[in-house]
């Protein structure tokens, strides 16, 4: 069985390395780099975590050094169930690994068409109508046009705060 640690932002590599030094198997699944990405480029170095902020780790049955994990640099807390470390079945982690290996699991992007009417649901531009322009390279970011102060402005937003109008 696997356990799960909630880690600091972008702390997954540090936590995995620390756990590895203490003979604790760890796994922080990442999406593969997009096609035609040059090795060593900025796009290649960008982390694409499947579960940002979480690291799976597996200990032996007789493991008793939970303080080693709780107080590891970068660990915020361990996920728990009824006061005990929460567990994830091996099959779940194996399934994620298989899907990533055969590239059948990929980061989802919103499906909007250029010129499509959108509504901004939260933030300072809440309830403004917008027109979709394009998806941006940053994951889950979109560029839209909004009518503000009598003129059209280009705005970059988190895709999770916009929805199709109508």
C-alpha atoms as a PDB file:
ATOM      1  CA  UNK A   1       0.000   0.000   0.000  1.00  0.00           C
ATOM      2  CA  UNK A   2       1.043   3.564  -0.722  1.00  0.00           C
ATOM      3  CA  UNK A   3       0.702   6.594   1.543  1.00  0.00           C
ATOM      4  CA  UNK A   4       0.405  10.228   0.471  1.00  0.00           C
ATOM      5  CA  UNK A   5       2.231  13.348   1.650  1.00  0.00           C
ATOM      6  CA  UNK A   6       1.045  16.880   0.963  1.00  0.00           C
ATOM      7  CA  UNK A   7       4.147  18.893   0.067  1.00  0.00           C
ATOM      8  CA  UNK A   8       5.106  22.536  -0.401  1.00  0.00           C
ATOM      9  CA  UNK A   9       4.643  24.092  -3.859  1.00  0.00           C
ATOM     10  CA  UNK A  10       7.220  22.627  -6.239  1.00  0.00           C
ATOM     11  CA  UNK A  11       8.618  20.568  -3.361  1.00  0.00           C
ATOM     12  CA  UNK A  12       7.998  17.190  -4.991  1.00  0.00           C
ATOM     13  CA  UNK A  13      11.600  16.603  -6.205  1.00  0.00           C
ATOM     14  CA  UNK A  14      13.091  17.610  -2.848  1.00  0.00           C
ATOM     15  CA  UNK A  15      10.748  15.342  -0.872  1.00  0.00           C
ATOM     16  CA  UNK A  16      11.307  12.381  -3.221  1.00  0.00           C
ATOM     17  CA  UNK A  17      15.077  12.799  -2.943  1.00  0.00           C
ATOM     18  CA  UNK A  18      14.949  13.042   0.866  1.00  0.00           C
ATOM     19  CA  UNK A  19      12.731   9.952   1.169  1.00  0.00           C
ATOM     20  CA  UNK A  20      15.009   8.058  -1.213  1.00  0.00           C
ATOM     21  CA  UNK A  21      18.015   8.829   0.984  1.00  0.00           C
ATOM     22  CA  UNK A  22      16.144   7.135   3.847  1.00  0.00           C
ATOM     23  CA  UNK A  23      15.205   4.051   1.777  1.00  0.00           C
ATOM     24  CA  UNK A  24      11.553   5.037   1.412  1.00  0.00           C
ATOM     25  CA  UNK A  25      10.178   4.471  -2.092  1.00  0.00           C
ATOM     26  CA  UNK A  26       8.461   7.595  -3.429  1.00  0.00           C
ATOM     27  CA  UNK A  27       6.590   8.550  -6.581  1.00  0.00           C
ATOM     28  CA  UNK A  28       5.456  11.952  -7.872  1.00  0.00           C
ATOM     29  CA  UNK A  29       3.849  11.296 -11.272  1.00  0.00           C
ATOM     30  CA  UNK A  30       4.543  13.781 -14.079  1.00  0.00           C
ATOM     31  CA  UNK A  31       2.998  14.243 -17.495  1.00  0.00           C
ATOM     32  CA  UNK A  32       5.503  13.794 -20.332  1.00  0.00           C
ATOM     33  CA  UNK A  33       6.859  16.857 -22.121  1.00  0.00           C
ATOM     34  CA  UNK A  34       4.889  17.971 -25.187  1.00  0.00           C
ATOM     35  CA  UNK A  35       5.999  16.623 -28.561  1.00  0.00           C
ATOM     36  CA  UNK A  36       8.868  18.423 -30.290  1.00  0.00           C
ATOM     37  CA  UNK A  37      10.285  19.682 -26.986  1.00  0.00           C
ATOM     38  CA  UNK A  38      14.052  20.085 -27.109  1.00  0.00           C
ATOM     39  CA  UNK A  39      15.981  18.391 -24.324  1.00  0.00           C
ATOM     40  CA  UNK A  40      17.211  20.899 -21.759  1.00  0.00           C
ATOM     41  CA  UNK A  41      14.934  23.698 -23.000  1.00  0.00           C
ATOM     42  CA  UNK A  42      12.776  25.798 -20.684  1.00  0.00           C
ATOM     43  CA  UNK A  43       9.698  23.816 -21.794  1.00  0.00           C
ATOM     44  CA  UNK A  44      11.533  20.576 -21.039  1.00  0.00           C
ATOM     45  CA  UNK A  45      12.557  21.667 -17.530  1.00  0.00           C
ATOM     46  CA  UNK A  46       9.025  22.769 -16.612  1.00  0.00           C
ATOM     47  CA  UNK A  47       7.390  20.319 -14.202  1.00  0.00           C
ATOM     48  CA  UNK A  48       4.003  18.912 -15.226  1.00  0.00           C
ATOM     49  CA  UNK A  49       2.758  17.185 -12.089  1.00  0.00           C
ATOM     50  CA  UNK A  50      -0.270  14.893 -12.336  1.00  0.00           C
ATOM     51  CA  UNK A  51      -1.093  15.628  -8.675  1.00  0.00           C
ATOM     52  CA  UNK A  52       0.606  18.964  -7.893  1.00  0.00           C
ATOM     53  CA  UNK A  53       1.574  19.195  -4.244  1.00  0.00           C
ATOM     54  CA  UNK A  54       1.347  15.455  -3.486  1.00  0.00           C
ATOM     55  CA  UNK A  55       3.899  12.642  -3.292  1.00  0.00           C
ATOM     56  CA  UNK A  56       3.087   8.943  -2.976  1.00  0.00           C
ATOM     57  CA  UNK A  57       5.429   6.947  -0.787  1.00  0.00           C
ATOM     58  CA  UNK A  58       5.595   3.293   0.255  1.00  0.00           C
ATOM     59  CA  UNK A  59       7.042   1.920   3.466  1.00  0.00           C
ATOM     60  CA  UNK A  60       7.522  -1.603   4.771  1.00  0.00           C
ATOM     61  CA  UNK A  61       4.949  -3.313   6.994  1.00  0.00           C
ATOM     62  CA  UNK A  62       7.066  -2.832  10.116  1.00  0.00           C
ATOM     63  CA  UNK A  63       7.855   0.840   9.431  1.00  0.00           C
ATOM     64  CA  UNK A  64       7.738   2.861  12.643  1.00  0.00           C
ATOM     65  CA  UNK A  65       9.616   6.071  11.786  1.00  0.00           C
ATOM     66  CA  UNK A  66       6.636   8.198  10.730  1.00  0.00           C
ATOM     67  CA  UNK A  67       8.345  11.251  12.219  1.00  0.00           C
ATOM     68  CA  UNK A  68      10.986  10.911   9.497  1.00  0.00           C
ATOM     69  CA  UNK A  69       8.272  11.582   6.908  1.00  0.00           C
ATOM     70  CA  UNK A  70       6.153  14.053   8.895  1.00  0.00           C
ATOM     71  CA  UNK A  71       9.135  16.308   9.499  1.00  0.00           C
ATOM     72  CA  UNK A  72      10.866  15.850   6.137  1.00  0.00           C
ATOM     73  CA  UNK A  73      11.885  19.132   4.476  1.00  0.00           C
ATOM     74  CA  UNK A  74       9.060  20.237   2.196  1.00  0.00           C
ATOM     75  CA  UNK A  75       6.356  18.015   3.703  1.00  0.00           C
ATOM     76  CA  UNK A  76       3.347  19.959   4.957  1.00  0.00           C
ATOM     77  CA  UNK A  77       1.396  16.987   6.283  1.00  0.00           C
ATOM     78  CA  UNK A  78       0.569  13.351   5.677  1.00  0.00           C
ATOM     79  CA  UNK A  79      -2.893  12.435   4.515  1.00  0.00           C
ATOM     80  CA  UNK A  80      -4.660  10.500   7.254  1.00  0.00           C
ATOM     81  CA  UNK A  81      -7.781   8.431   7.802  1.00  0.00           C
ATOM     82  CA  UNK A  82      -9.050   7.955  11.368  1.00  0.00           C
ATOM     83  CA  UNK A  83      -5.787   9.240  12.849  1.00  0.00           C
ATOM     84  CA  UNK A  84      -3.705   6.708  10.904  1.00  0.00           C
ATOM     85  CA  UNK A  85      -1.699   7.342   7.718  1.00  0.00           C
ATOM     86  CA  UNK A  86      -4.119   7.097   4.800  1.00  0.00           C
ATOM     87  CA  UNK A  87      -3.406   4.451   2.191  1.00  0.00           C
ATOM     88  CA  UNK A  88      -3.817   4.159  -1.562  1.00  0.00           C
ATOM     89  CA  UNK A  89      -4.073   0.736  -3.156  1.00  0.00           C
ATOM     90  CA  UNK A  90      -1.091  -0.426  -5.230  1.00  0.00           C
ATOM     91  CA  UNK A  91      -3.417  -0.911  -8.205  1.00  0.00           C
ATOM     92  CA  UNK A  92      -4.268   2.787  -8.325  1.00  0.00           C
ATOM     93  CA  UNK A  93      -0.625   3.889  -8.494  1.00  0.00           C
ATOM     94  CA  UNK A  94       0.177   1.111 -10.990  1.00  0.00           C
ATOM     95  CA  UNK A  95      -2.730   2.268 -13.175  1.00  0.00           C
ATOM     96  CA  UNK A  96      -1.447   5.870 -13.156  1.00  0.00           C
ATOM     97  CA  UNK A  97       2.052   4.624 -14.081  1.00  0.00           C
ATOM     98  CA  UNK A  98       0.679   2.516 -16.964  1.00  0.00           C
ATOM     99  CA  UNK A  99      -1.449   5.358 -18.339  1.00  0.00           C
ATOM    100  CA  UNK A 100       1.510   7.759 -18.213  1.00  0.00           C
ATOM    101  CA  UNK A 101       3.807   5.198 -19.855  1.00  0.00           C
ATOM    102  CA  UNK A 102       1.489   4.648 -22.825  1.00  0.00           C
ATOM    103  CA  UNK A 103       0.638   8.380 -22.965  1.00  0.00           C
ATOM    104  CA  UNK A 104      -3.101   7.754 -22.544  1.00  0.00           C
ATOM    105  CA  UNK A 105      -3.174  10.159 -19.598  1.00  0.00           C
ATOM    106  CA  UNK A 106      -2.561  13.787 -20.487  1.00  0.00           C
ATOM    107  CA  UNK A 107      -3.149  17.187 -18.965  1.00  0.00           C
ATOM    108  CA  UNK A 108      -6.601  18.395 -19.855  1.00  0.00           C
ATOM    109  CA  UNK A 109      -7.109  21.718 -21.534  1.00  0.00           C
ATOM    110  CA  UNK A 110     -10.384  23.558 -21.883  1.00  0.00           C
ATOM    111  CA  UNK A 111     -11.998  23.134 -25.273  1.00  0.00           C
ATOM    112  CA  UNK A 112     -13.021  26.552 -26.532  1.00  0.00           C
ATOM    113  CA  UNK A 113     -13.076  27.782 -30.123  1.00  0.00           C
ATOM    114  CA  UNK A 114     -11.591  31.075 -31.272  1.00  0.00           C
ATOM    115  CA  UNK A 115     -14.314  33.714 -31.134  1.00  0.00           C
ATOM    116  CA  UNK A 116     -16.489  31.733 -28.699  1.00  0.00           C
ATOM    117  CA  UNK A 117     -18.394  33.797 -26.110  1.00  0.00           C
ATOM    118  CA  UNK A 118     -17.357  33.133 -22.508  1.00  0.00           C
ATOM    119  CA  UNK A 119     -18.354  34.381 -19.057  1.00  0.00           C
ATOM    120  CA  UNK A 120     -15.750  35.078 -16.365  1.00  0.00           C
ATOM    121  CA  UNK A 121     -17.034  33.443 -13.163  1.00  0.00           C
ATOM    122  CA  UNK A 122     -14.730  34.834 -10.458  1.00  0.00           C
ATOM    123  CA  UNK A 123     -12.058  37.389  -9.775  1.00  0.00           C
ATOM    124  CA  UNK A 124     -12.075  41.139 -10.374  1.00  0.00           C
ATOM    125  CA  UNK A 125     -13.576  40.694 -13.869  1.00  0.00           C
ATOM    126  CA  UNK A 126     -16.378  38.464 -12.562  1.00  0.00           C
ATOM    127  CA  UNK A 127     -19.518  38.361 -14.714  1.00  0.00           C
ATOM    128  CA  UNK A 128     -17.921  40.158 -17.670  1.00  0.00           C
ATOM    129  CA  UNK A 129     -18.515  38.712 -21.083  1.00  0.00           C
ATOM    130  CA  UNK A 130     -15.372  37.678 -22.902  1.00  0.00           C
ATOM    131  CA  UNK A 131     -14.391  36.307 -26.291  1.00  0.00           C
ATOM    132  CA  UNK A 132     -11.935  33.403 -26.435  1.00  0.00           C
ATOM    133  CA  UNK A 133      -8.729  34.089 -28.368  1.00  0.00           C
ATOM    134  CA  UNK A 134      -6.322  31.222 -27.643  1.00  0.00           C
ATOM    135  CA  UNK A 135      -4.853  28.736 -25.170  1.00  0.00           C
ATOM    136  CA  UNK A 136      -1.512  29.859 -23.754  1.00  0.00           C
ATOM    137  CA  UNK A 137       1.652  27.796 -23.306  1.00  0.00           C
ATOM    138  CA  UNK A 138       1.236  27.921 -19.536  1.00  0.00           C
ATOM    139  CA  UNK A 139      -1.005  25.037 -18.583  1.00  0.00           C
ATOM    140  CA  UNK A 140      -4.587  25.987 -17.822  1.00  0.00           C
ATOM    141  CA  UNK A 141      -4.221  29.612 -18.983  1.00  0.00           C
ATOM    142  CA  UNK A 142      -6.247  31.262 -21.749  1.00  0.00           C
ATOM    143  CA  UNK A 143      -6.216  34.603 -23.516  1.00  0.00           C
ATOM    144  CA  UNK A 144      -9.566  36.378 -23.929  1.00  0.00           C
ATOM    145  CA  UNK A 145     -10.877  39.753 -25.087  1.00  0.00           C
ATOM    146  CA  UNK A 146     -13.070  41.776 -22.731  1.00  0.00           C
ATOM    147  CA  UNK A 147     -14.872  45.068 -23.311  1.00  0.00           C
ATOM    148  CA  UNK A 148     -13.735  47.413 -20.526  1.00  0.00           C
ATOM    149  CA  UNK A 149     -13.995  51.203 -20.350  1.00  0.00           C
ATOM    150  CA  UNK A 150     -15.373  51.305 -23.880  1.00  0.00           C
ATOM    151  CA  UNK A 151     -12.513  49.476 -25.551  1.00  0.00           C
ATOM    152  CA  UNK A 152     -11.467  45.843 -26.089  1.00  0.00           C
ATOM    153  CA  UNK A 153      -8.620  44.591 -23.877  1.00  0.00           C
ATOM    154  CA  UNK A 154      -6.628  41.370 -24.062  1.00  0.00           C
ATOM    155  CA  UNK A 155      -6.575  39.517 -20.725  1.00  0.00           C
ATOM    156  CA  UNK A 156      -4.834  36.306 -19.631  1.00  0.00           C
ATOM    157  CA  UNK A 157      -6.876  34.194 -17.187  1.00  0.00           C
ATOM    158  CA  UNK A 158      -6.910  30.878 -15.419  1.00  0.00           C
ATOM    159  CA  UNK A 159      -9.091  28.634 -17.602  1.00  0.00           C
ATOM    160  CA  UNK A 160     -10.915  27.296 -14.547  1.00  0.00           C
ATOM    161  CA  UNK A 161     -12.668  30.619 -13.964  1.00  0.00           C
ATOM    162  CA  UNK A 162     -14.264  30.908 -17.412  1.00  0.00           C
ATOM    163  CA  UNK A 163     -17.196  28.995 -18.876  1.00  0.00           C
ATOM    164  CA  UNK A 164     -19.001  29.033 -22.187  1.00  0.00           C
ATOM    165  CA  UNK A 165     -21.766  31.650 -22.312  1.00  0.00           C
ATOM    166  CA  UNK A 166     -25.339  30.516 -22.694  1.00  0.00           C
END
